[in-house]
Amino acid sequence: MRELWIVCVGVIVVLSGCDTPTVGFSYDKTGRIDIGKNRFLVYYSDKQAQAIRLNNQSLRGLKGTMADGGAAIEAVTGCKITALHAKSDTVLTRASLRC
């Protein structure tokens, strides 16, 4: 029974970080927005932003997710995206900004 308790606490700790920003972003500049069928949480600073997709998607629905993430970043920040980062994927879209 003790092992089950430890596993449950470990799973809760791991899952609690699912929508937290990466290093360099704070919670004071955020925004939530729906773009298409996706819901995003956007964290941004003066020169960078990241959009985290909050909803579940089937593999068929992931085709335009990075484009939706870019649109979410531009809508929330009001800035133009200069480049999408290579580490972007269907859940986390990272971008450089020009305001």
PDB file of N, CA and C in Angstrom:
ATOM      1  N   MET A   1       0.815  -1.185   0.000  1.00  0.00           N
ATOM      2  CA  MET A   1       0.000   0.000   0.000  1.00  0.00           C
ATOM      3  C   MET A   1       0.863   1.255   0.000  1.00  0.00           C
ATOM      4  N   ARG A   2       1.974   1.204   0.675  1.00  0.00           N
ATOM      5  CA  ARG A   2       2.861   2.375   0.745  1.00  0.00           C
ATOM      6  C   ARG A   2       3.427   2.713  -0.633  1.00  0.00           C
ATOM      7  N   GLU A   3       3.748   1.684  -1.425  1.00  0.00           N
ATOM      8  CA  GLU A   3       4.293   1.931  -2.766  1.00  0.00           C
ATOM      9  C   GLU A   3       3.262   2.618  -3.655  1.00  0.00           C
ATOM     10  N   LEU A   4       2.000   2.226  -3.519  1.00  0.00           N
ATOM     11  CA  LEU A   4       0.942   2.855  -4.308  1.00  0.00           C
ATOM     12  C   LEU A   4       0.824   4.335  -3.958  1.00  0.00           C
ATOM     13  N   TRP A   5       0.913   4.672  -2.693  1.00  0.00           N
ATOM     14  CA  TRP A   5       0.854   6.051  -2.244  1.00  0.00           C
ATOM     15  C   TRP A   5       1.998   6.863  -2.840  1.00  0.00           C
ATOM     16  N   ILE A   6       3.195   6.312  -2.848  1.00  0.00           N
ATOM     17  CA  ILE A   6       4.361   7.004  -3.409  1.00  0.00           C
ATOM     18  C   ILE A   6       4.192   7.213  -4.903  1.00  0.00           C
ATOM     19  N   VAL A   7       3.684   6.204  -5.598  1.00  0.00           N
ATOM     20  CA  VAL A   7       3.449   6.330  -7.045  1.00  0.00           C
ATOM     21  C   VAL A   7       2.404   7.402  -7.321  1.00  0.00           C
ATOM     22  N   CYS A   8       1.330   7.430  -6.565  1.00  0.00           N
ATOM     23  CA  CYS A   8       0.278   8.434  -6.764  1.00  0.00           C
ATOM     24  C   CYS A   8       0.806   9.850  -6.552  1.00  0.00           C
ATOM     25  N   VAL A   9       1.565  10.052  -5.512  1.00  0.00           N
ATOM     26  CA  VAL A   9       2.143  11.376  -5.254  1.00  0.00           C
ATOM     27  C   VAL A   9       3.099  11.754  -6.376  1.00  0.00           C
ATOM     28  N   GLY A  10       3.897  10.808  -6.845  1.00  0.00           N
ATOM     29  CA  GLY A  10       4.820  11.085  -7.950  1.00  0.00           C
ATOM     30  C   GLY A  10       4.105  11.478  -9.225  1.00  0.00           C
ATOM     31  N   VAL A  11       3.029  10.798  -9.548  1.00  0.00           N
ATOM     32  CA  VAL A  11       2.248  11.128 -10.743  1.00  0.00           C
ATOM     33  C   VAL A  11       1.637  12.518 -10.613  1.00  0.00           C
ATOM     34  N   ILE A  12       1.124  12.849  -9.461  1.00  0.00           N
ATOM     35  CA  ILE A  12       0.534  14.183  -9.247  1.00  0.00           C
ATOM     36  C   ILE A  12       1.586  15.273  -9.405  1.00  0.00           C
ATOM     37  N   VAL A  13       2.768  15.056  -8.879  1.00  0.00           N
ATOM     38  CA  VAL A  13       3.844  16.048  -8.994  1.00  0.00           C
ATOM     39  C   VAL A  13       4.244  16.234 -10.448  1.00  0.00           C
ATOM     40  N   VAL A  14       4.375  15.145 -11.184  1.00  0.00           N
ATOM     41  CA  VAL A  14       4.766  15.239 -12.591  1.00  0.00           C
ATOM     42  C   VAL A  14       3.692  15.947 -13.405  1.00  0.00           C
ATOM     43  N   LEU A  15       2.440  15.611 -13.201  1.00  0.00           N
ATOM     44  CA  LEU A  15       1.369  16.211 -13.985  1.00  0.00           C
ATOM     45  C   LEU A  15       1.077  17.655 -13.605  1.00  0.00           C
ATOM     46  N   SER A  16       1.482  18.084 -12.442  1.00  0.00           N
ATOM     47  CA  SER A  16       1.217  19.467 -12.039  1.00  0.00           C
ATOM     48  C   SER A  16       2.035  20.463 -12.839  1.00  0.00           C
ATOM     49  N   GLY A  17       3.076  20.038 -13.513  1.00  0.00           N
ATOM     50  CA  GLY A  17       3.897  20.944 -14.303  1.00  0.00           C
ATOM     51  C   GLY A  17       3.539  20.979 -15.770  1.00  0.00           C
ATOM     52  N   CYS A  18       2.393  20.444 -16.167  1.00  0.00           N
ATOM     53  CA  CYS A  18       2.051  20.329 -17.581  1.00  0.00           C
ATOM     54  C   CYS A  18       1.826  21.674 -18.270  1.00  0.00           C
ATOM     55  N   ASP A  19       1.305  22.666 -17.586  1.00  0.00           N
ATOM     56  CA  ASP A  19       1.056  23.943 -18.256  1.00  0.00           C
ATOM     57  C   ASP A  19       1.851  25.080 -17.621  1.00  0.00           C
ATOM     58  N   THR A  20       3.018  24.771 -17.100  1.00  0.00           N
ATOM     59  CA  THR A  20       3.878  25.810 -16.542  1.00  0.00           C
ATOM     60  C   THR A  20       4.857  26.291 -17.603  1.00  0.00           C
ATOM     61  N   PRO A  21       5.255  27.541 -17.541  1.00  0.00           N
ATOM     62  CA  PRO A  21       6.186  28.054 -18.550  1.00  0.00           C
ATOM     63  C   PRO A  21       7.593  27.516 -18.340  1.00  0.00           C
ATOM     64  N   THR A  22       8.372  27.527 -19.427  1.00  0.00           N
ATOM     65  CA  THR A  22       9.766  27.129 -19.320  1.00  0.00           C
ATOM     66  C   THR A  22      10.572  28.266 -18.711  1.00  0.00           C
ATOM     67  N   VAL A  23      11.846  28.043 -18.485  1.00  0.00           N
ATOM     68  CA  VAL A  23      12.729  29.031 -17.866  1.00  0.00           C
ATOM     69  C   VAL A  23      12.759  30.296 -18.722  1.00  0.00           C
ATOM     70  N   GLY A  24      12.669  31.438 -18.083  1.00  0.00           N
ATOM     71  CA  GLY A  24      12.711  32.713 -18.783  1.00  0.00           C
ATOM     72  C   GLY A  24      11.354  33.368 -18.935  1.00  0.00           C
ATOM     73  N   PHE A  25      10.298  32.654 -18.606  1.00  0.00           N
ATOM     74  CA  PHE A  25       8.953  33.205 -18.701  1.00  0.00           C
ATOM     75  C   PHE A  25       8.356  33.263 -17.309  1.00  0.00           C
ATOM     76  N   SER A  26       7.564  34.295 -17.072  1.00  0.00           N
ATOM     77  CA  SER A  26       6.928  34.418 -15.763  1.00  0.00           C
ATOM     78  C   SER A  26       5.415  34.355 -15.952  1.00  0.00           C
ATOM     79  N   TYR A  27       4.715  34.347 -14.844  1.00  0.00           N
ATOM     80  CA  TYR A  27       3.262  34.246 -14.887  1.00  0.00           C
ATOM     81  C   TYR A  27       2.584  35.599 -15.069  1.00  0.00           C
ATOM     82  N   ASP A  28       3.311  36.708 -15.038  1.00  0.00           N
ATOM     83  CA  ASP A  28       2.653  38.006 -15.103  1.00  0.00           C
ATOM     84  C   ASP A  28       2.257  38.410 -16.515  1.00  0.00           C
ATOM     85  N   LYS A  29       2.843  37.822 -17.536  1.00  0.00           N
ATOM     86  CA  LYS A  29       2.455  38.114 -18.915  1.00  0.00           C
ATOM     87  C   LYS A  29       1.919  36.830 -19.542  1.00  0.00           C
ATOM     88  N   THR A  30       0.608  36.633 -19.427  1.00  0.00           N
ATOM     89  CA  THR A  30      -0.027  35.430 -19.950  1.00  0.00           C
ATOM     90  C   THR A  30      -1.336  35.778 -20.619  1.00  0.00           C
ATOM     91  N   GLY A  31      -1.845  34.841 -21.374  1.00  0.00           N
ATOM     92  CA  GLY A  31      -3.158  34.996 -21.979  1.00  0.00           C
ATOM     93  C   GLY A  31      -3.661  33.659 -22.466  1.00  0.00           C
ATOM     94  N   ARG A  32      -4.967  33.450 -22.369  1.00  0.00           N
ATOM     95  CA  ARG A  32      -5.601  32.242 -22.894  1.00  0.00           C
ATOM     96  C   ARG A  32      -6.436  32.647 -24.094  1.00  0.00           C
ATOM     97  N   ILE A  33      -6.410  31.787 -25.125  1.00  0.00           N
ATOM     98  CA  ILE A  33      -7.138  32.105 -26.337  1.00  0.00           C
ATOM     99  C   ILE A  33      -7.501  30.824 -27.064  1.00  0.00           C
ATOM    100  N   ASP A  34      -8.633  30.854 -27.752  1.00  0.00           N
ATOM    101  CA  ASP A  34      -9.041  29.743 -28.608  1.00  0.00           C
ATOM    102  C   ASP A  34      -8.775  30.137 -30.056  1.00  0.00           C
ATOM    103  N   ILE A  35      -8.042  29.290 -30.754  1.00  0.00           N
ATOM    104  CA  ILE A  35      -7.768  29.484 -32.183  1.00  0.00           C
ATOM    105  C   ILE A  35      -8.202  28.203 -32.889  1.00  0.00           C
ATOM    106  N   GLY A  36      -9.158  28.302 -33.788  1.00  0.00           N
ATOM    107  CA  GLY A  36      -9.679  27.108 -34.437  1.00  0.00           C
ATOM    108  C   GLY A  36     -10.300  26.195 -33.393  1.00  0.00           C
ATOM    109  N   LYS A  37      -9.905  24.931 -33.393  1.00  0.00           N
ATOM    110  CA  LYS A  37     -10.408  23.960 -32.417  1.00  0.00           C
ATOM    111  C   LYS A  37      -9.467  23.810 -31.233  1.00  0.00           C
ATOM    112  N   ASN A  38      -8.451  24.645 -31.152  1.00  0.00           N
ATOM    113  CA  ASN A  38      -7.436  24.518 -30.105  1.00  0.00           C
ATOM    114  C   ASN A  38      -7.529  25.645 -29.090  1.00  0.00           C
ATOM    115  N   ARG A  39      -7.206  25.317 -27.844  1.00  0.00           N
ATOM    116  CA  ARG A  39      -7.127  26.305 -26.761  1.00  0.00           C
ATOM    117  C   ARG A  39      -5.672  26.402 -26.338  1.00  0.00           C
ATOM    118  N   PHE A  40      -5.153  27.634 -26.240  1.00  0.00           N
ATOM    119  CA  PHE A  40      -3.748  27.859 -25.919  1.00  0.00           C
ATOM    120  C   PHE A  40      -3.609  28.741 -24.686  1.00  0.00           C
ATOM    121  N   LEU A  41      -2.547  28.485 -23.944  1.00  0.00           N
ATOM    122  CA  LEU A  41      -2.094  29.348 -22.868  1.00  0.00           C
ATOM    123  C   LEU A  41      -0.776  29.933 -23.340  1.00  0.00           C
ATOM    124  N   VAL A  42      -0.707  31.246 -23.458  1.00  0.00           N
ATOM    125  CA  VAL A  42       0.471  31.917 -24.016  1.00  0.00           C
ATOM    126  C   VAL A  42       1.221  32.635 -22.904  1.00  0.00           C
ATOM    127  N   TYR A  43       2.513  32.354 -22.794  1.00  0.00           N
ATOM    128  CA  TYR A  43       3.425  33.071 -21.908  1.00  0.00           C
ATOM    129  C   TYR A  43       4.363  33.864 -22.804  1.00  0.00           C
ATOM    130  N   TYR A  44       4.671  35.106 -22.419  1.00  0.00           N
ATOM    131  CA  TYR A  44       5.556  35.896 -23.268  1.00  0.00           C
ATOM    132  C   TYR A  44       6.381  36.870 -22.457  1.00  0.00           C
ATOM    133  N   SER A  45       7.504  37.230 -23.064  1.00  0.00           N
ATOM    134  CA  SER A  45       8.379  38.276 -22.536  1.00  0.00           C
ATOM    135  C   SER A  45       8.529  39.302 -23.654  1.00  0.00           C
ATOM    136  N   ASP A  46       9.507  40.185 -23.556  1.00  0.00           N
ATOM    137  CA  ASP A  46       9.664  41.222 -24.571  1.00  0.00           C
ATOM    138  C   ASP A  46      10.068  40.674 -25.940  1.00  0.00           C
ATOM    139  N   LYS A  47      10.868  39.627 -25.965  1.00  0.00           N
ATOM    140  CA  LYS A  47      11.418  39.141 -27.235  1.00  0.00           C
ATOM    141  C   LYS A  47      11.016  37.716 -27.587  1.00  0.00           C
ATOM    142  N   GLN A  48      10.386  36.979 -26.668  1.00  0.00           N
ATOM    143  CA  GLN A  48      10.039  35.589 -26.913  1.00  0.00           C
ATOM    144  C   GLN A  48       8.647  35.286 -26.397  1.00  0.00           C
ATOM    145  N   ALA A  49       8.056  34.219 -26.935  1.00  0.00           N
ATOM    146  CA  ALA A  49       6.759  33.759 -26.453  1.00  0.00           C
ATOM    147  C   ALA A  49       6.659  32.255 -26.636  1.00  0.00           C
ATOM    148  N   GLN A  50       5.773  31.670 -25.864  1.00  0.00           N
ATOM    149  CA  GLN A  50       5.477  30.256 -26.039  1.00  0.00           C
ATOM    150  C   GLN A  50       3.985  30.041 -25.837  1.00  0.00           C
ATOM    151  N   ALA A  51       3.416  29.186 -26.673  1.00  0.00           N
ATOM    152  CA  ALA A  51       2.001  28.843 -26.585  1.00  0.00           C
ATOM    153  C   ALA A  51       1.903  27.359 -26.273  1.00  0.00           C
ATOM    154  N   ILE A  52       1.189  27.034 -25.209  1.00  0.00           N
ATOM    155  CA  ILE A  52       1.001  25.651 -24.804  1.00  0.00           C
ATOM    156  C   ILE A  52      -0.434  25.260 -25.141  1.00  0.00           C
ATOM    157  N   ARG A  53      -0.589  24.204 -25.950  1.00  0.00           N
ATOM    158  CA  ARG A  53      -1.926  23.719 -26.304  1.00  0.00           C
ATOM    159  C   ARG A  53      -2.497  22.982 -25.112  1.00  0.00           C
ATOM    160  N   LEU A  54      -3.707  23.351 -24.695  1.00  0.00           N
ATOM    161  CA  LEU A  54      -4.315  22.792 -23.498  1.00  0.00           C
ATOM    162  C   LEU A  54      -5.313  21.676 -23.770  1.00  0.00           C
ATOM    163  N   ASN A  55      -5.814  21.572 -24.984  1.00  0.00           N
ATOM    164  CA  ASN A  55      -6.817  20.563 -25.284  1.00  0.00           C
ATOM    165  C   ASN A  55      -6.188  19.308 -25.895  1.00  0.00           C
ATOM    166  N   ASN A  56      -6.944  18.221 -25.855  1.00  0.00           N
ATOM    167  CA  ASN A  56      -6.505  16.983 -26.495  1.00  0.00           C
ATOM    168  C   ASN A  56      -6.863  17.027 -27.968  1.00  0.00           C
ATOM    169  N   GLN A  57      -6.049  16.376 -28.782  1.00  0.00           N
ATOM    170  CA  GLN A  57      -6.287  16.304 -30.217  1.00  0.00           C
ATOM    171  C   GLN A  57      -5.989  14.896 -30.701  1.00  0.00           C
ATOM    172  N   SER A  58      -6.711  14.455 -31.716  1.00  0.00           N
ATOM    173  CA  SER A  58      -6.357  13.200 -32.372  1.00  0.00           C
ATOM    174  C   SER A  58      -5.183  13.484 -33.300  1.00  0.00           C
ATOM    175  N   LEU A  59      -4.531  12.448 -33.751  1.00  0.00           N
ATOM    176  CA  LEU A  59      -3.393  12.644 -34.653  1.00  0.00           C
ATOM    177  C   LEU A  59      -3.807  13.345 -35.933  1.00  0.00           C
ATOM    178  N   ARG A  60      -5.004  13.105 -36.409  1.00  0.00           N
ATOM    179  CA  ARG A  60      -5.490  13.773 -37.626  1.00  0.00           C
ATOM    180  C   ARG A  60      -5.665  15.273 -37.421  1.00  0.00           C
ATOM    181  N   GLY A  61      -5.986  15.689 -36.215  1.00  0.00           N
ATOM    182  CA  GLY A  61      -6.231  17.099 -35.947  1.00  0.00           C
ATOM    183  C   GLY A  61      -4.986  17.916 -35.665  1.00  0.00           C
ATOM    184  N   LEU A  62      -3.817  17.285 -35.644  1.00  0.00           N
ATOM    185  CA  LEU A  62      -2.595  17.989 -35.275  1.00  0.00           C
ATOM    186  C   LEU A  62      -1.922  18.715 -36.440  1.00  0.00           C
ATOM    187  N   LYS A  63      -2.447  18.592 -37.634  1.00  0.00           N
ATOM    188  CA  LYS A  63      -1.772  19.141 -38.815  1.00  0.00           C
ATOM    189  C   LYS A  63      -1.485  20.638 -38.712  1.00  0.00           C
ATOM    190  N   GLY A  64      -2.432  21.441 -38.309  1.00  0.00           N
ATOM    191  CA  GLY A  64      -2.240  22.882 -38.266  1.00  0.00           C
ATOM    192  C   GLY A  64      -2.006  23.436 -36.876  1.00  0.00           C
ATOM    193  N   THR A  65      -1.615  22.579 -35.951  1.00  0.00           N
ATOM    194  CA  THR A  65      -1.505  23.020 -34.567  1.00  0.00           C
ATOM    195  C   THR A  65      -0.394  24.037 -34.355  1.00  0.00           C
ATOM    196  N   MET A  66       0.754  23.872 -34.990  1.00  0.00           N
ATOM    197  CA  MET A  66       1.835  24.852 -34.832  1.00  0.00           C
ATOM    198  C   MET A  66       1.435  26.191 -35.428  1.00  0.00           C
ATOM    199  N   ALA A  67       0.723  26.172 -36.545  1.00  0.00           N
ATOM    200  CA  ALA A  67       0.251  27.422 -37.137  1.00  0.00           C
ATOM    201  C   ALA A  67      -0.755  28.104 -36.205  1.00  0.00           C
ATOM    202  N   ASP A  68      -1.623  27.312 -35.587  1.00  0.00           N
ATOM    203  CA  ASP A  68      -2.566  27.866 -34.614  1.00  0.00           C
ATOM    204  C   ASP A  68      -1.826  28.434 -33.407  1.00  0.00           C
ATOM    205  N   GLY A  69      -0.762  27.763 -32.968  1.00  0.00           N
ATOM    206  CA  GLY A  69       0.051  28.276 -31.860  1.00  0.00           C
ATOM    207  C   GLY A  69       0.681  29.612 -32.210  1.00  0.00           C
ATOM    208  N   GLY A  70       1.172  29.745 -33.429  1.00  0.00           N
ATOM    209  CA  GLY A  70       1.730  31.020 -33.875  1.00  0.00           C
ATOM    210  C   GLY A  70       0.678  32.115 -33.922  1.00  0.00           C
ATOM    211  N   ALA A  71      -0.504  31.764 -34.395  1.00  0.00           N
ATOM    212  CA  ALA A  71      -1.596  32.751 -34.431  1.00  0.00           C
ATOM    213  C   ALA A  71      -2.007  33.162 -33.012  1.00  0.00           C
ATOM    214  N   ALA A  72      -1.987  32.211 -32.083  1.00  0.00           N
ATOM    215  CA  ALA A  72      -2.315  32.530 -30.687  1.00  0.00           C
ATOM    216  C   ALA A  72      -1.283  33.478 -30.091  1.00  0.00           C
ATOM    217  N   ILE A  73      -0.021  33.242 -30.380  1.00  0.00           N
ATOM    218  CA  ILE A  73       1.046  34.118 -29.870  1.00  0.00           C
ATOM    219  C   ILE A  73       0.867  35.532 -30.404  1.00  0.00           C
ATOM    220  N   GLU A  74       0.627  35.660 -31.707  1.00  0.00           N
ATOM    221  CA  GLU A  74       0.459  36.994 -32.289  1.00  0.00           C
ATOM    222  C   GLU A  74      -0.777  37.694 -31.742  1.00  0.00           C
ATOM    223  N   ALA A  75      -1.864  36.952 -31.531  1.00  0.00           N
ATOM    224  CA  ALA A  75      -3.095  37.571 -31.034  1.00  0.00           C
ATOM    225  C   ALA A  75      -2.948  38.044 -29.588  1.00  0.00           C
ATOM    226  N   VAL A  76      -2.313  37.246 -28.750  1.00  0.00           N
ATOM    227  CA  VAL A  76      -2.189  37.610 -27.332  1.00  0.00           C
ATOM    228  C   VAL A  76      -1.164  38.708 -27.124  1.00  0.00           C
ATOM    229  N   THR A  77      -0.016  38.615 -27.792  1.00  0.00           N
ATOM    230  CA  THR A  77       1.053  39.578 -27.556  1.00  0.00           C
ATOM    231  C   THR A  77       0.884  40.858 -28.351  1.00  0.00           C
ATOM    232  N   GLY A  78       0.228  40.801 -29.499  1.00  0.00           N
ATOM    233  CA  GLY A  78       0.131  41.959 -30.379  1.00  0.00           C
ATOM    234  C   GLY A  78       1.414  42.218 -31.144  1.00  0.00           C
ATOM    235  N   CYS A  79       2.327  41.263 -31.142  1.00  0.00           N
ATOM    236  CA  CYS A  79       3.615  41.388 -31.823  1.00  0.00           C
ATOM    237  C   CYS A  79       3.673  40.468 -33.030  1.00  0.00           C
ATOM    238  N   LYS A  80       4.628  40.699 -33.892  1.00  0.00           N
ATOM    239  CA  LYS A  80       4.845  39.882 -35.077  1.00  0.00           C
ATOM    240  C   LYS A  80       5.867  38.798 -34.761  1.00  0.00           C
ATOM    241  N   ILE A  81       5.621  37.588 -35.219  1.00  0.00           N
ATOM    242  CA  ILE A  81       6.579  36.492 -35.036  1.00  0.00           C
ATOM    243  C   ILE A  81       7.673  36.627 -36.083  1.00  0.00           C
ATOM    244  N   THR A  82       8.935  36.642 -35.624  1.00  0.00           N
ATOM    245  CA  THR A  82      10.056  36.690 -36.562  1.00  0.00           C
ATOM    246  C   THR A  82      10.551  35.298 -36.913  1.00  0.00           C
ATOM    247  N   ALA A  83      10.447  34.350 -35.980  1.00  0.00           N
ATOM    248  CA  ALA A  83      10.888  32.983 -36.250  1.00  0.00           C
ATOM    249  C   ALA A  83      10.265  32.031 -35.246  1.00  0.00           C
ATOM    250  N   LEU A  84       9.872  30.846 -35.739  1.00  0.00           N
ATOM    251  CA  LEU A  84       9.467  29.767 -34.850  1.00  0.00           C
ATOM    252  C   LEU A  84      10.709  28.984 -34.467  1.00  0.00           C
ATOM    253  N   HIS A  85      10.825  28.600 -33.225  1.00  0.00           N
ATOM    254  CA  HIS A  85      12.003  27.871 -32.765  1.00  0.00           C
ATOM    255  C   HIS A  85      11.939  26.423 -33.215  1.00  0.00           C
ATOM    256  N   ALA A  86      13.092  25.837 -33.416  1.00  0.00           N
ATOM    257  CA  ALA A  86      13.191  24.464 -33.891  1.00  0.00           C
ATOM    258  C   ALA A  86      12.627  23.464 -32.889  1.00  0.00           C
ATOM    259  N   LYS A  87      12.583  23.818 -31.607  1.00  0.00           N
ATOM    260  CA  LYS A  87      12.080  22.897 -30.591  1.00  0.00           C
ATOM    261  C   LYS A  87      10.560  22.957 -30.453  1.00  0.00           C
ATOM    262  N   SER A  88       9.871  23.654 -31.342  1.00  0.00           N
ATOM    263  CA  SER A  88       8.417  23.701 -31.308  1.00  0.00           C
ATOM    264  C   SER A  88       7.856  22.345 -31.735  1.00  0.00           C
ATOM    265  N   ASP A  89       6.703  22.024 -31.192  1.00  0.00           N
ATOM    266  CA  ASP A  89       6.022  20.796 -31.589  1.00  0.00           C
ATOM    267  C   ASP A  89       4.522  21.030 -31.527  1.00  0.00           C
ATOM    268  N   THR A  90       3.740  19.969 -31.520  1.00  0.00           N
ATOM    269  CA  THR A  90       2.292  20.121 -31.568  1.00  0.00           C
ATOM    270  C   THR A  90       1.679  20.534 -30.235  1.00  0.00           C
ATOM    271  N   VAL A  91       2.436  20.497 -29.162  1.00  0.00           N
ATOM    272  CA  VAL A  91       1.942  20.917 -27.856  1.00  0.00           C
ATOM    273  C   VAL A  91       2.515  22.266 -27.444  1.00  0.00           C
ATOM    274  N   LEU A  92       3.780  22.487 -27.686  1.00  0.00           N
ATOM    275  CA  LEU A  92       4.463  23.715 -27.282  1.00  0.00           C
ATOM    276  C   LEU A  92       5.028  24.409 -28.505  1.00  0.00           C
ATOM    277  N   THR A  93       4.554  25.615 -28.778  1.00  0.00           N
ATOM    278  CA  THR A  93       5.069  26.417 -29.884  1.00  0.00           C
ATOM    279  C   THR A  93       5.883  27.552 -29.304  1.00  0.00           C
ATOM    280  N   ARG A  94       7.140  27.667 -29.706  1.00  0.00           N
ATOM    281  CA  ARG A  94       8.021  28.732 -29.236  1.00  0.00           C
ATOM    282  C   ARG A  94       8.339  29.658 -30.398  1.00  0.00           C
ATOM    283  N   ALA A  95       8.432  30.959 -30.103  1.00  0.00           N
ATOM    284  CA  ALA A  95       8.670  31.919 -31.181  1.00  0.00           C
ATOM    285  C   ALA A  95       9.457  33.114 -30.665  1.00  0.00           C
ATOM    286  N   SER A  96      10.201  33.732 -31.588  1.00  0.00           N
ATOM    287  CA  SER A  96      10.854  35.020 -31.334  1.00  0.00           C
ATOM    288  C   SER A  96       9.916  36.110 -31.824  1.00  0.00           C
ATOM    289  N   LEU A  97       9.909  37.245 -31.124  1.00  0.00           N
ATOM    290  CA  LEU A  97       8.952  38.307 -31.431  1.00  0.00           C
ATOM    291  C   LEU A  97       9.638  39.603 -31.838  1.00  0.00           C
ATOM    292  N   ARG A  98       8.903  40.398 -32.621  1.00  0.00           N
ATOM    293  CA  ARG A  98       9.301  41.776 -32.906  1.00  0.00           C
ATOM    294  C   ARG A  98       8.073  42.641 -32.639  1.00  0.00           C
ATOM    295  N   CYS A  99       8.204  43.528 -31.652  1.00  0.00           N
ATOM    296  CA  CYS A  99       7.064  44.374 -31.274  1.00  0.00           C
ATOM    297  C   CYS A  99       7.254  45.797 -31.777  1.00  0.00           C
TER     298      CYS A  99
END
